[in-house]
Protein backbone atom coordinates (compact mmCIF):
# COMPACT_ATOMS: atom_id res chain seq x y z
CA UNK A 1 70.32 127.13 87.43
CA UNK A 2 70.99 123.42 87.64
CA UNK A 3 73.69 121.81 85.45
CA UNK A 4 70.93 120.08 83.45
CA UNK A 5 69.33 123.42 82.66
CA UNK A 6 72.69 124.90 81.78
CA UNK A 7 73.17 122.22 79.10
CA UNK A 8 69.57 122.04 77.91
CA UNK A 9 68.97 124.50 74.97
CA UNK A 10 66.16 122.43 73.43
CA UNK A 11 64.17 125.53 72.47
CA UNK A 12 67.26 127.15 70.96
CA UNK A 13 68.23 124.12 68.88
CA UNK A 14 64.75 123.10 67.76
CA UNK A 15 62.88 126.41 67.63
CA UNK A 16 59.42 127.47 68.69
CA UNK A 17 58.01 123.92 68.79
CA UNK A 18 60.20 122.92 71.76
CA UNK A 19 60.56 124.04 75.36
CA UNK A 20 63.52 123.89 77.70
CA UNK A 21 63.18 122.76 81.27
CA UNK A 22 61.94 125.49 83.57
CA UNK A 23 64.69 127.61 85.07
CA UNK A 24 64.18 128.38 88.74
CA UNK A 25 64.62 132.03 89.71
CA UNK A 26 67.63 132.47 91.98
CA UNK A 27 67.18 136.16 92.77
CA UNK A 28 70.30 137.16 90.84
CA UNK A 29 70.41 139.42 87.80
CA UNK A 30 71.02 137.13 84.80
CA UNK A 31 74.05 137.61 82.62
CA UNK A 32 73.20 138.63 79.05
CA UNK A 33 76.33 138.60 76.93
CA UNK A 34 77.36 138.83 73.29
CA UNK A 35 80.73 137.32 72.31
CA UNK A 36 82.67 138.68 69.35
CA UNK A 37 85.96 137.51 67.89
CA UNK A 38 87.55 136.47 64.64
CA UNK A 39 87.63 132.80 63.55
CA UNK A 40 90.24 130.95 65.58
CA UNK A 41 90.30 133.15 68.70
CA UNK A 42 88.59 130.47 70.81
CA UNK A 43 85.23 132.20 71.16
CA UNK A 44 83.26 128.95 71.29
CA UNK A 45 85.55 127.52 73.98
CA UNK A 46 85.10 130.64 76.09
CA UNK A 47 81.33 130.53 75.61
CA UNK A 48 81.26 126.95 76.97
CA UNK A 49 83.45 127.90 79.94
CA UNK A 50 81.35 130.98 80.73
CA UNK A 51 78.23 128.85 80.43
CA UNK A 52 79.41 126.62 83.28
CA UNK A 53 80.75 129.45 85.45
CA UNK A 54 77.87 131.91 85.04
CA UNK A 55 74.97 129.57 84.35
CA UNK A 56 73.82 131.58 81.33
CA UNK A 57 72.85 129.44 78.33
CA UNK A 58 75.32 129.20 75.42
CA UNK A 59 73.29 130.19 72.35
CA UNK A 60 75.35 129.48 69.24
CA UNK A 61 73.88 130.14 65.79
CA UNK A 62 76.34 127.57 64.41
CA UNK A 63 74.73 124.93 66.63
CA UNK A 64 71.30 125.90 65.26
CA UNK A 65 72.51 125.40 61.68
CA UNK A 66 74.03 122.02 62.53
CA UNK A 67 70.89 120.88 64.39
CA UNK A 68 68.66 122.01 61.51
CA UNK A 69 70.52 119.78 59.08
CA UNK A 70 69.72 116.67 61.15
CA UNK A 71 65.97 117.35 61.37
CA UNK A 72 63.31 116.15 58.94
CA UNK A 73 62.09 118.85 56.55
CA UNK A 74 58.62 118.82 58.08
CA UNK A 75 60.21 119.69 61.44
CA UNK A 76 62.13 122.67 60.07
CA UNK A 77 60.78 126.21 60.27
CA UNK A 78 60.67 128.27 57.03
CA UNK A 79 63.76 130.21 58.17
CA UNK A 80 65.67 126.99 58.89
CA UNK A 81 64.80 125.55 55.47
CA UNK A 82 65.85 128.79 53.78
CA UNK A 83 69.17 128.87 55.67
CA UNK A 84 69.94 125.26 54.75
CA UNK A 85 69.26 126.04 51.11
CA UNK A 86 71.91 128.76 51.12
CA UNK A 87 74.38 126.52 52.98
CA UNK A 88 73.93 123.62 50.53
CA UNK A 89 74.71 125.99 47.66
CA UNK A 90 77.85 127.15 49.46
CA UNK A 91 76.41 130.67 49.80
CA UNK A 92 76.39 132.93 52.84
CA UNK A 93 73.13 132.94 54.77
CA UNK A 94 71.78 136.52 54.47
CA UNK A 95 71.19 138.76 57.50
CA UNK A 96 67.43 138.59 57.11
CA UNK A 97 67.37 134.78 57.32
CA UNK A 98 69.77 134.59 60.27
CA UNK A 99 67.73 137.24 62.06
CA UNK A 100 64.49 135.32 61.44
CA UNK A 101 66.04 132.20 63.00
CA UNK A 102 67.04 134.20 66.07
CA UNK A 103 63.66 135.94 66.24
CA UNK A 104 61.95 132.52 66.24
CA UNK A 105 63.93 131.80 69.40
CA UNK A 106 63.21 135.10 71.18
CA UNK A 107 61.97 133.13 74.17
CA UNK A 108 65.57 132.04 74.81
CA UNK A 109 66.58 135.69 75.12
CA UNK A 110 63.82 136.25 77.69
CA UNK A 111 64.91 133.24 79.75
CA UNK A 112 65.53 134.04 83.40
CA UNK A 113 68.82 132.15 83.27
CA UNK A 114 70.40 134.67 80.90
CA UNK A 115 72.28 133.99 77.68
CA UNK A 116 75.66 134.02 75.95
CA UNK A 117 75.19 134.78 72.24
CA UNK A 118 77.95 133.24 70.12
CA UNK A 119 77.97 133.84 66.36
CA UNK A 120 75.28 136.51 66.44
CA UNK A 121 75.25 139.38 65.70
CA UNK A 122 77.86 139.34 62.93
CA UNK A 123 76.91 142.59 61.18
CA UNK A 124 75.72 146.06 62.11
CA UNK A 125 72.26 145.28 60.74
CA UNK A 126 71.97 142.21 62.96
CA UNK A 127 73.14 144.22 65.99
CA UNK A 128 70.52 146.88 65.37
CA UNK A 129 67.78 144.24 65.01
CA UNK A 130 68.88 142.59 68.26
CA UNK A 131 68.80 145.95 70.08
CA UNK A 132 65.26 146.63 68.86
CA UNK A 133 64.09 143.24 70.09
CA UNK A 134 65.75 143.57 73.49
CA UNK A 135 64.42 147.13 73.91
CA UNK A 136 60.90 145.92 73.10
CA UNK A 137 61.28 143.18 75.74
CA UNK A 138 62.81 145.66 78.23
CA UNK A 139 65.96 143.59 78.43
CA UNK A 140 69.50 144.96 78.56
CA UNK A 141 72.81 143.43 77.56
CA UNK A 142 75.32 143.12 80.38
CA UNK A 143 78.31 143.44 78.07
CA UNK A 144 79.74 142.60 74.66
CA UNK A 145 83.08 140.77 74.93
CA UNK A 146 85.45 141.15 71.98
CA UNK A 147 88.23 138.53 72.00
CA UNK A 148 91.30 139.89 70.24
CA UNK A 149 94.34 138.08 68.84
CA UNK A 150 97.03 139.14 66.31
CA UNK A 151 96.50 137.79 62.80
CA UNK A 152 99.79 135.86 62.90
CA UNK A 153 98.63 133.93 65.98
CA UNK A 154 95.24 133.19 64.45
CA UNK A 155 96.88 131.84 61.27
CA UNK A 156 99.17 129.60 63.34
CA UNK A 157 96.29 128.39 65.50
CA UNK A 158 93.90 127.54 62.66
CA UNK A 159 96.62 126.47 60.21
CA UNK A 160 97.76 123.76 62.60
CA UNK A 161 94.37 122.08 62.80
CA UNK A 162 93.93 118.61 61.35
CA UNK A 163 90.56 116.85 60.97
CA UNK A 164 89.79 113.13 60.86
CA UNK A 165 88.28 111.99 57.55
CA UNK A 166 86.12 109.43 59.37
CA UNK A 167 84.86 110.74 62.74
CA UNK A 168 85.68 114.46 62.16
CA UNK A 169 87.67 114.74 65.42
CA UNK A 170 90.00 117.75 65.41
CA UNK A 171 93.69 117.76 66.41
CA UNK A 172 96.48 120.34 66.25
CA UNK A 173 100.00 119.68 65.06
CA UNK A 174 101.58 121.42 68.07
CA UNK A 175 98.91 122.09 70.70
CA UNK A 176 97.06 118.76 70.53
CA UNK A 177 98.97 116.36 68.28
CA UNK A 178 97.69 112.81 67.63
CA UNK A 179 99.52 109.90 69.25
CA UNK A 180 100.44 108.58 65.78
CA UNK A 181 101.30 111.13 63.10
CA UNK A 182 98.45 111.81 60.67
CA UNK A 183 96.17 109.20 62.30
CA UNK A 184 93.13 109.80 64.51
CA UNK A 185 93.43 108.70 68.16
CA UNK A 186 89.77 107.62 68.21
CA UNK A 187 89.17 105.65 64.99
CA UNK A 188 92.59 105.51 63.27
CA UNK A 189 91.17 107.54 60.39
CA UNK A 190 93.46 109.65 58.24
CA UNK A 191 93.91 113.27 59.29
CA UNK A 192 93.77 116.06 56.73
CA UNK A 193 93.90 119.86 56.59
CA UNK A 194 90.59 121.41 55.59
CA UNK A 195 90.74 123.82 52.66
CA UNK A 196 89.51 126.73 54.78
CA UNK A 197 92.21 125.98 57.39
CA UNK A 198 95.03 126.74 54.93
CA UNK A 199 96.90 130.05 55.59
CA UNK A 200 95.76 131.72 52.37
CA UNK A 201 92.12 130.86 53.09
CA UNK A 202 92.41 132.00 56.71
CA UNK A 203 93.61 135.47 55.69
CA UNK A 204 90.66 135.85 53.30
CA UNK A 205 88.25 134.85 56.09
CA UNK A 206 89.87 137.31 58.50
CA UNK A 207 89.66 140.16 56.01
CA UNK A 208 85.96 139.44 55.48
CA UNK A 209 85.43 139.30 59.24
CA UNK A 210 87.18 142.64 59.76
CA UNK A 211 85.05 144.32 57.08
CA UNK A 212 81.76 143.16 58.57
CA UNK A 213 82.70 143.45 62.25
CA UNK A 214 84.54 146.79 62.48
CA UNK A 215 81.24 148.78 62.40
CA UNK A 216 79.78 146.32 64.92
CA UNK A 217 82.61 146.90 67.39
CA UNK A 218 82.20 150.65 67.01
CA UNK A 219 78.44 150.28 67.59
CA UNK A 220 78.93 148.50 70.93
CA UNK A 221 81.81 150.77 71.93
CA UNK A 222 79.56 153.83 71.54
CA UNK A 223 76.85 152.02 73.51
CA UNK A 224 79.30 151.60 76.40
CA UNK A 225 79.03 147.81 76.29
CA UNK A 226 82.33 146.70 74.76
CA UNK A 227 84.83 144.73 76.85
CA UNK A 228 88.14 143.93 75.11
CA UNK A 229 89.92 140.72 76.13
CA UNK A 230 93.29 139.52 74.78
CA UNK A 231 92.78 135.92 73.66
CA UNK A 232 96.41 134.83 74.15
CA UNK A 233 97.16 132.11 76.67
CA UNK A 234 95.43 129.00 77.98
CA UNK A 235 91.62 128.89 77.90
CA UNK A 236 91.41 128.95 81.70
CA UNK A 237 93.59 132.05 81.87
CA UNK A 238 91.46 133.84 79.27
CA UNK A 239 88.33 132.84 81.20
CA UNK A 240 89.71 134.32 84.42
CA UNK A 241 90.49 137.62 82.68
CA UNK A 242 87.01 137.68 81.14
CA UNK A 243 85.29 137.01 84.47
CA UNK A 244 87.35 139.64 86.27
CA UNK A 245 86.45 142.27 83.67
CA UNK A 246 82.78 141.32 83.63
CA UNK A 247 82.40 141.28 87.40
CA UNK A 248 84.22 144.62 87.74
CA UNK A 249 81.86 146.06 85.15
CA UNK A 250 78.79 144.73 86.96
CA UNK A 251 80.03 146.06 90.31
CA UNK A 252 80.51 149.51 88.77
CA UNK A 253 77.01 149.38 87.26
CA UNK A 254 75.45 148.49 90.61
CA UNK A 255 77.40 151.24 92.37
CA UNK A 256 76.34 153.92 89.86
């Protein structure tokens, strides 16, 4: 897959009305991955890194939601409009609506370049729906990677984030501090701590994540697909561990 195709994702972001550039077959079995991990473990960063190393397209449901908000209403599918309605009310988008948005993009799952699903599935119901779709298409997941990090480290990682009021750039008080305290490097806007980045809010989010995801982890563990990766360390180090585990798993599958 060419770098342009790796970064394309038009069909994923815009839905059934759009098409990505054709992906040339390279004779290799595509990687089909699901990434799990609590908020703050760096799942999105790892998805981007895996995208460039493996060629499989990074399919983030969060990116779909953000893209939907910038499109005219007449360009939005019914599922996209419904999801935006929930988001504007500050309510969680229900499983059925999220699933419909993914189902609209089933062509992305069939793509010969493979995929890295980030942000979906989040619940057991979504995982079961995804399995039914993949089974119907005679497609198999390569693995489900669960990035794990102690709660204390997650709180420190998210709690240190600061966001620019103007351009929304994100900094970190210790890992990526601004050149001038409390001011954005890019536009000199004031930096602030988002409400959901405060320690008390983070713990509530983590508890909710654990409740919804524990059955999901068990589901993939029983299916023999779960790969556990410690998310401590630099992103490049975590990527290397992930790739080593995935390639060892694939080699064992081919040898079986």
